[in-house]
Amino acid sequence: MIGIMVQLYPKKGHEDLVQAEMKKFASTCVENESGTLMYTIVKDDTGMLGTMELYSDEKALQVHAKTDYHDELGALLKPYVEKASINRFHVLHHPTA
């Protein structure tokens, strides 16, 4: 399994828009991608919006990354995000999977 964590820092005044679009995107991913095992949206006390994603394997991650809606979300959010980072992990233990 592969884990991905994305951190987005929305520009002031655009937090609700970024959050709403991320929620729609997460639901679309889980509904349409059989290898997307988890796609959770989180927010910390500083206003950072993030994802916790879990994919069955590399192929599932590549399917996710190549969807039209993945590219569309990136283009849509770009003007509203101050900073973004992505971290990739090899999942060593996930007892609910």
N, C-alpha and C. Protein backbone atom coordinates (compact mmCIF):
# COMPACT_ATOMS: atom_id res chain seq x y z
N MET A 1 0.84 -1.18 0.00
CA MET A 1 0.00 0.00 0.00
C MET A 1 0.88 1.25 0.00
N ILE A 2 0.32 2.30 -0.55
CA ILE A 2 1.02 3.58 -0.63
C ILE A 2 0.16 4.64 0.06
N GLY A 3 0.78 5.44 0.89
CA GLY A 3 0.11 6.54 1.55
C GLY A 3 0.60 7.87 0.99
N ILE A 4 -0.31 8.79 0.86
CA ILE A 4 0.01 10.15 0.41
C ILE A 4 -0.59 11.13 1.42
N MET A 5 0.19 12.15 1.75
CA MET A 5 -0.32 13.24 2.57
C MET A 5 -0.03 14.54 1.83
N VAL A 6 -1.07 15.29 1.58
CA VAL A 6 -0.96 16.58 0.91
C VAL A 6 -1.31 17.65 1.93
N GLN A 7 -0.56 18.74 1.93
CA GLN A 7 -0.86 19.88 2.78
C GLN A 7 -1.06 21.10 1.89
N LEU A 8 -2.21 21.73 2.03
CA LEU A 8 -2.53 22.95 1.27
C LEU A 8 -2.77 24.08 2.26
N TYR A 9 -2.20 25.22 1.95
CA TYR A 9 -2.38 26.42 2.76
C TYR A 9 -3.15 27.43 1.93
N PRO A 10 -4.48 27.49 2.11
CA PRO A 10 -5.30 28.40 1.30
C PRO A 10 -4.96 29.86 1.58
N LYS A 11 -5.11 30.68 0.55
CA LYS A 11 -4.96 32.13 0.72
C LYS A 11 -6.14 32.63 1.55
N LYS A 12 -5.89 33.70 2.30
CA LYS A 12 -6.93 34.30 3.14
C LYS A 12 -8.18 34.58 2.31
N GLY A 13 -9.32 34.22 2.87
CA GLY A 13 -10.59 34.46 2.22
C GLY A 13 -11.03 33.36 1.28
N HIS A 14 -10.18 32.37 1.04
CA HIS A 14 -10.52 31.30 0.11
C HIS A 14 -10.56 29.93 0.79
N GLU A 15 -10.51 29.91 2.09
CA GLU A 15 -10.48 28.65 2.83
C GLU A 15 -11.72 27.79 2.57
N ASP A 16 -12.89 28.40 2.59
CA ASP A 16 -14.13 27.63 2.40
C ASP A 16 -14.21 27.04 1.00
N LEU A 17 -13.80 27.80 0.00
CA LEU A 17 -13.82 27.31 -1.38
C LEU A 17 -12.88 26.12 -1.53
N VAL A 18 -11.66 26.24 -1.02
CA VAL A 18 -10.69 25.15 -1.13
C VAL A 18 -11.21 23.91 -0.41
N GLN A 19 -11.73 24.10 0.78
CA GLN A 19 -12.26 22.98 1.55
C GLN A 19 -13.41 22.29 0.83
N ALA A 20 -14.33 23.05 0.29
CA ALA A 20 -15.49 22.47 -0.41
C ALA A 20 -15.06 21.68 -1.63
N GLU A 21 -14.12 22.21 -2.40
CA GLU A 21 -13.65 21.51 -3.60
C GLU A 21 -12.88 20.24 -3.23
N MET A 22 -12.11 20.30 -2.15
CA MET A 22 -11.38 19.11 -1.71
C MET A 22 -12.34 18.01 -1.27
N LYS A 23 -13.41 18.38 -0.58
CA LYS A 23 -14.40 17.39 -0.15
C LYS A 23 -15.07 16.72 -1.34
N LYS A 24 -15.46 17.51 -2.33
CA LYS A 24 -16.08 16.93 -3.54
C LYS A 24 -15.11 15.99 -4.23
N PHE A 25 -13.86 16.42 -4.34
CA PHE A 25 -12.84 15.62 -5.01
C PHE A 25 -12.62 14.30 -4.28
N ALA A 26 -12.53 14.33 -2.97
CA ALA A 26 -12.31 13.11 -2.18
C ALA A 26 -13.43 12.11 -2.43
N SER A 27 -14.66 12.57 -2.44
CA SER A 27 -15.79 11.67 -2.69
C SER A 27 -15.73 11.08 -4.09
N THR A 28 -15.39 11.91 -5.07
CA THR A 28 -15.27 11.44 -6.45
C THR A 28 -14.20 10.35 -6.55
N CYS A 29 -13.08 10.55 -5.90
CA CYS A 29 -11.99 9.57 -5.95
C CYS A 29 -12.42 8.23 -5.39
N VAL A 30 -13.02 8.23 -4.21
CA VAL A 30 -13.41 6.99 -3.56
C VAL A 30 -14.51 6.28 -4.36
N GLU A 31 -15.42 7.04 -4.93
CA GLU A 31 -16.53 6.45 -5.70
C GLU A 31 -16.07 5.86 -7.02
N ASN A 32 -15.03 6.42 -7.64
CA ASN A 32 -14.66 6.04 -9.01
C ASN A 32 -13.36 5.26 -9.14
N GLU A 33 -12.57 5.17 -8.10
CA GLU A 33 -11.26 4.53 -8.19
C GLU A 33 -11.21 3.35 -7.21
N SER A 34 -11.28 2.15 -7.75
CA SER A 34 -11.32 0.97 -6.89
C SER A 34 -10.06 0.81 -6.04
N GLY A 35 -8.93 1.31 -6.50
CA GLY A 35 -7.69 1.19 -5.74
C GLY A 35 -7.46 2.29 -4.72
N THR A 36 -8.37 3.27 -4.68
CA THR A 36 -8.28 4.32 -3.66
C THR A 36 -9.03 3.81 -2.44
N LEU A 37 -8.28 3.42 -1.43
CA LEU A 37 -8.86 2.80 -0.25
C LEU A 37 -9.34 3.81 0.77
N MET A 38 -8.72 4.98 0.78
CA MET A 38 -9.08 6.02 1.74
C MET A 38 -8.68 7.37 1.16
N TYR A 39 -9.54 8.36 1.34
CA TYR A 39 -9.21 9.73 0.93
C TYR A 39 -9.91 10.65 1.93
N THR A 40 -9.18 11.05 2.94
CA THR A 40 -9.73 11.82 4.04
C THR A 40 -9.22 13.25 4.00
N ILE A 41 -10.11 14.20 4.24
CA ILE A 41 -9.74 15.62 4.29
C ILE A 41 -9.63 16.02 5.76
N VAL A 42 -8.54 16.70 6.10
CA VAL A 42 -8.31 17.13 7.48
C VAL A 42 -7.96 18.62 7.50
N LYS A 43 -8.09 19.22 8.69
CA LYS A 43 -7.74 20.63 8.87
C LYS A 43 -7.07 20.76 10.24
N ASP A 44 -5.98 21.52 10.30
CA ASP A 44 -5.34 21.73 11.60
C ASP A 44 -5.70 23.11 12.15
N ASP A 45 -5.17 23.42 13.32
CA ASP A 45 -5.51 24.67 14.00
C ASP A 45 -4.97 25.91 13.29
N THR A 46 -4.01 25.74 12.38
CA THR A 46 -3.46 26.88 11.65
C THR A 46 -4.24 27.20 10.38
N GLY A 47 -5.18 26.32 10.01
CA GLY A 47 -5.94 26.51 8.78
C GLY A 47 -5.45 25.68 7.62
N MET A 48 -4.37 24.90 7.85
CA MET A 48 -3.88 24.02 6.80
C MET A 48 -4.93 22.96 6.51
N LEU A 49 -5.20 22.77 5.23
CA LEU A 49 -6.09 21.70 4.80
C LEU A 49 -5.23 20.59 4.22
N GLY A 50 -5.54 19.37 4.58
CA GLY A 50 -4.71 18.28 4.11
C GLY A 50 -5.52 17.07 3.71
N THR A 51 -4.81 16.14 3.08
CA THR A 51 -5.40 14.86 2.74
C THR A 51 -4.59 13.76 3.38
N MET A 52 -5.27 12.69 3.70
CA MET A 52 -4.63 11.43 4.08
C MET A 52 -5.21 10.41 3.10
N GLU A 53 -4.35 9.94 2.21
CA GLU A 53 -4.78 9.07 1.13
C GLU A 53 -4.11 7.71 1.25
N LEU A 54 -4.84 6.67 0.86
CA LEU A 54 -4.29 5.32 0.90
C LEU A 54 -4.68 4.61 -0.39
N TYR A 55 -3.67 4.07 -1.07
CA TYR A 55 -3.86 3.38 -2.35
C TYR A 55 -3.39 1.94 -2.23
N SER A 56 -4.07 1.05 -2.93
CA SER A 56 -3.75 -0.38 -2.83
C SER A 56 -2.35 -0.70 -3.34
N ASP A 57 -1.89 0.04 -4.37
CA ASP A 57 -0.57 -0.21 -4.95
C ASP A 57 -0.19 0.94 -5.87
N GLU A 58 0.97 0.83 -6.49
CA GLU A 58 1.47 1.89 -7.39
C GLU A 58 0.52 2.12 -8.56
N LYS A 59 -0.04 1.06 -9.10
CA LYS A 59 -0.96 1.19 -10.23
C LYS A 59 -2.18 2.03 -9.84
N ALA A 60 -2.71 1.78 -8.66
CA ALA A 60 -3.87 2.55 -8.19
C ALA A 60 -3.53 4.03 -8.04
N LEU A 61 -2.33 4.31 -7.54
CA LEU A 61 -1.91 5.71 -7.40
C LEU A 61 -1.78 6.37 -8.77
N GLN A 62 -1.23 5.66 -9.74
CA GLN A 62 -1.08 6.20 -11.08
C GLN A 62 -2.44 6.44 -11.74
N VAL A 63 -3.37 5.52 -11.54
CA VAL A 63 -4.73 5.72 -12.06
C VAL A 63 -5.31 7.01 -11.48
N HIS A 64 -5.17 7.17 -10.18
CA HIS A 64 -5.67 8.38 -9.51
C HIS A 64 -5.04 9.64 -10.10
N ALA A 65 -3.72 9.62 -10.25
CA ALA A 65 -2.99 10.81 -10.69
C ALA A 65 -3.29 11.18 -12.14
N LYS A 66 -3.79 10.24 -12.92
CA LYS A 66 -4.03 10.49 -14.34
C LYS A 66 -5.49 10.79 -14.68
N THR A 67 -6.33 10.92 -13.67
CA THR A 67 -7.74 11.22 -13.95
C THR A 67 -7.90 12.68 -14.38
N ASP A 68 -8.90 12.91 -15.20
CA ASP A 68 -9.19 14.28 -15.61
C ASP A 68 -9.54 15.15 -14.41
N TYR A 69 -10.31 14.60 -13.47
CA TYR A 69 -10.73 15.41 -12.33
C TYR A 69 -9.56 15.74 -11.41
N HIS A 70 -8.50 14.95 -11.42
CA HIS A 70 -7.29 15.28 -10.65
C HIS A 70 -6.65 16.54 -11.23
N ASP A 71 -6.47 16.55 -12.55
CA ASP A 71 -5.89 17.73 -13.21
C ASP A 71 -6.78 18.96 -13.06
N GLU A 72 -8.09 18.75 -13.16
CA GLU A 72 -9.03 19.86 -13.05
C GLU A 72 -8.97 20.50 -11.66
N LEU A 73 -8.87 19.67 -10.62
CA LEU A 73 -8.81 20.23 -9.26
C LEU A 73 -7.54 21.05 -9.08
N GLY A 74 -6.42 20.53 -9.57
CA GLY A 74 -5.17 21.27 -9.46
C GLY A 74 -5.25 22.64 -10.10
N ALA A 75 -5.82 22.69 -11.30
CA ALA A 75 -5.96 23.96 -12.01
C ALA A 75 -6.93 24.89 -11.29
N LEU A 76 -8.01 24.33 -10.76
CA LEU A 76 -9.02 25.13 -10.07
C LEU A 76 -8.46 25.75 -8.79
N LEU A 77 -7.72 24.97 -8.01
CA LEU A 77 -7.25 25.45 -6.71
C LEU A 77 -5.99 26.30 -6.76
N LYS A 78 -5.22 26.18 -7.82
CA LYS A 78 -3.93 26.87 -7.89
C LYS A 78 -3.99 28.36 -7.52
N PRO A 79 -4.96 29.13 -8.03
CA PRO A 79 -4.99 30.56 -7.68
C PRO A 79 -5.35 30.84 -6.21
N TYR A 80 -5.89 29.84 -5.52
CA TYR A 80 -6.40 30.05 -4.17
C TYR A 80 -5.52 29.44 -3.08
N VAL A 81 -4.39 28.85 -3.48
CA VAL A 81 -3.51 28.17 -2.52
C VAL A 81 -2.17 28.90 -2.45
N GLU A 82 -1.79 29.26 -1.24
CA GLU A 82 -0.52 29.96 -0.99
C GLU A 82 0.68 29.02 -1.13
N LYS A 83 0.54 27.84 -0.55
CA LYS A 83 1.65 26.88 -0.51
C LYS A 83 1.07 25.47 -0.45
N ALA A 84 1.79 24.51 -1.04
CA ALA A 84 1.36 23.12 -1.01
C ALA A 84 2.58 22.20 -0.89
N SER A 85 2.37 21.07 -0.26
CA SER A 85 3.42 20.06 -0.19
C SER A 85 2.78 18.67 -0.26
N ILE A 86 3.56 17.72 -0.76
CA ILE A 86 3.09 16.34 -0.90
C ILE A 86 4.15 15.42 -0.31
N ASN A 87 3.71 14.48 0.49
CA ASN A 87 4.60 13.46 1.05
C ASN A 87 4.06 12.08 0.67
N ARG A 88 4.97 11.20 0.30
CA ARG A 88 4.62 9.84 -0.10
C ARG A 88 5.23 8.86 0.90
N PHE A 89 4.47 7.82 1.22
CA PHE A 89 4.91 6.84 2.21
C PHE A 89 4.63 5.42 1.73
N HIS A 90 5.45 4.49 2.18
CA HIS A 90 5.16 3.07 2.04
C HIS A 90 4.47 2.67 3.33
N VAL A 91 3.27 2.14 3.23
CA VAL A 91 2.50 1.78 4.41
C VAL A 91 3.04 0.46 4.96
N LEU A 92 3.48 0.49 6.20
CA LEU A 92 4.05 -0.69 6.84
C LEU A 92 3.01 -1.50 7.59
N HIS A 93 1.99 -0.81 8.12
CA HIS A 93 0.98 -1.51 8.91
C HIS A 93 -0.31 -0.70 8.87
N HIS A 94 -1.37 -1.33 8.44
CA HIS A 94 -2.69 -0.70 8.40
C HIS A 94 -3.71 -1.79 8.73
N PRO A 95 -3.97 -2.01 10.00
CA PRO A 95 -4.76 -3.17 10.42
C PRO A 95 -6.21 -3.18 9.96
N THR A 96 -6.74 -2.06 9.49
CA THR A 96 -8.13 -2.06 9.03
C THR A 96 -8.25 -2.43 7.56
N ALA A 97 -7.13 -2.57 6.86
CA ALA A 97 -7.18 -2.90 5.43
C ALA A 97 -7.25 -4.40 5.22
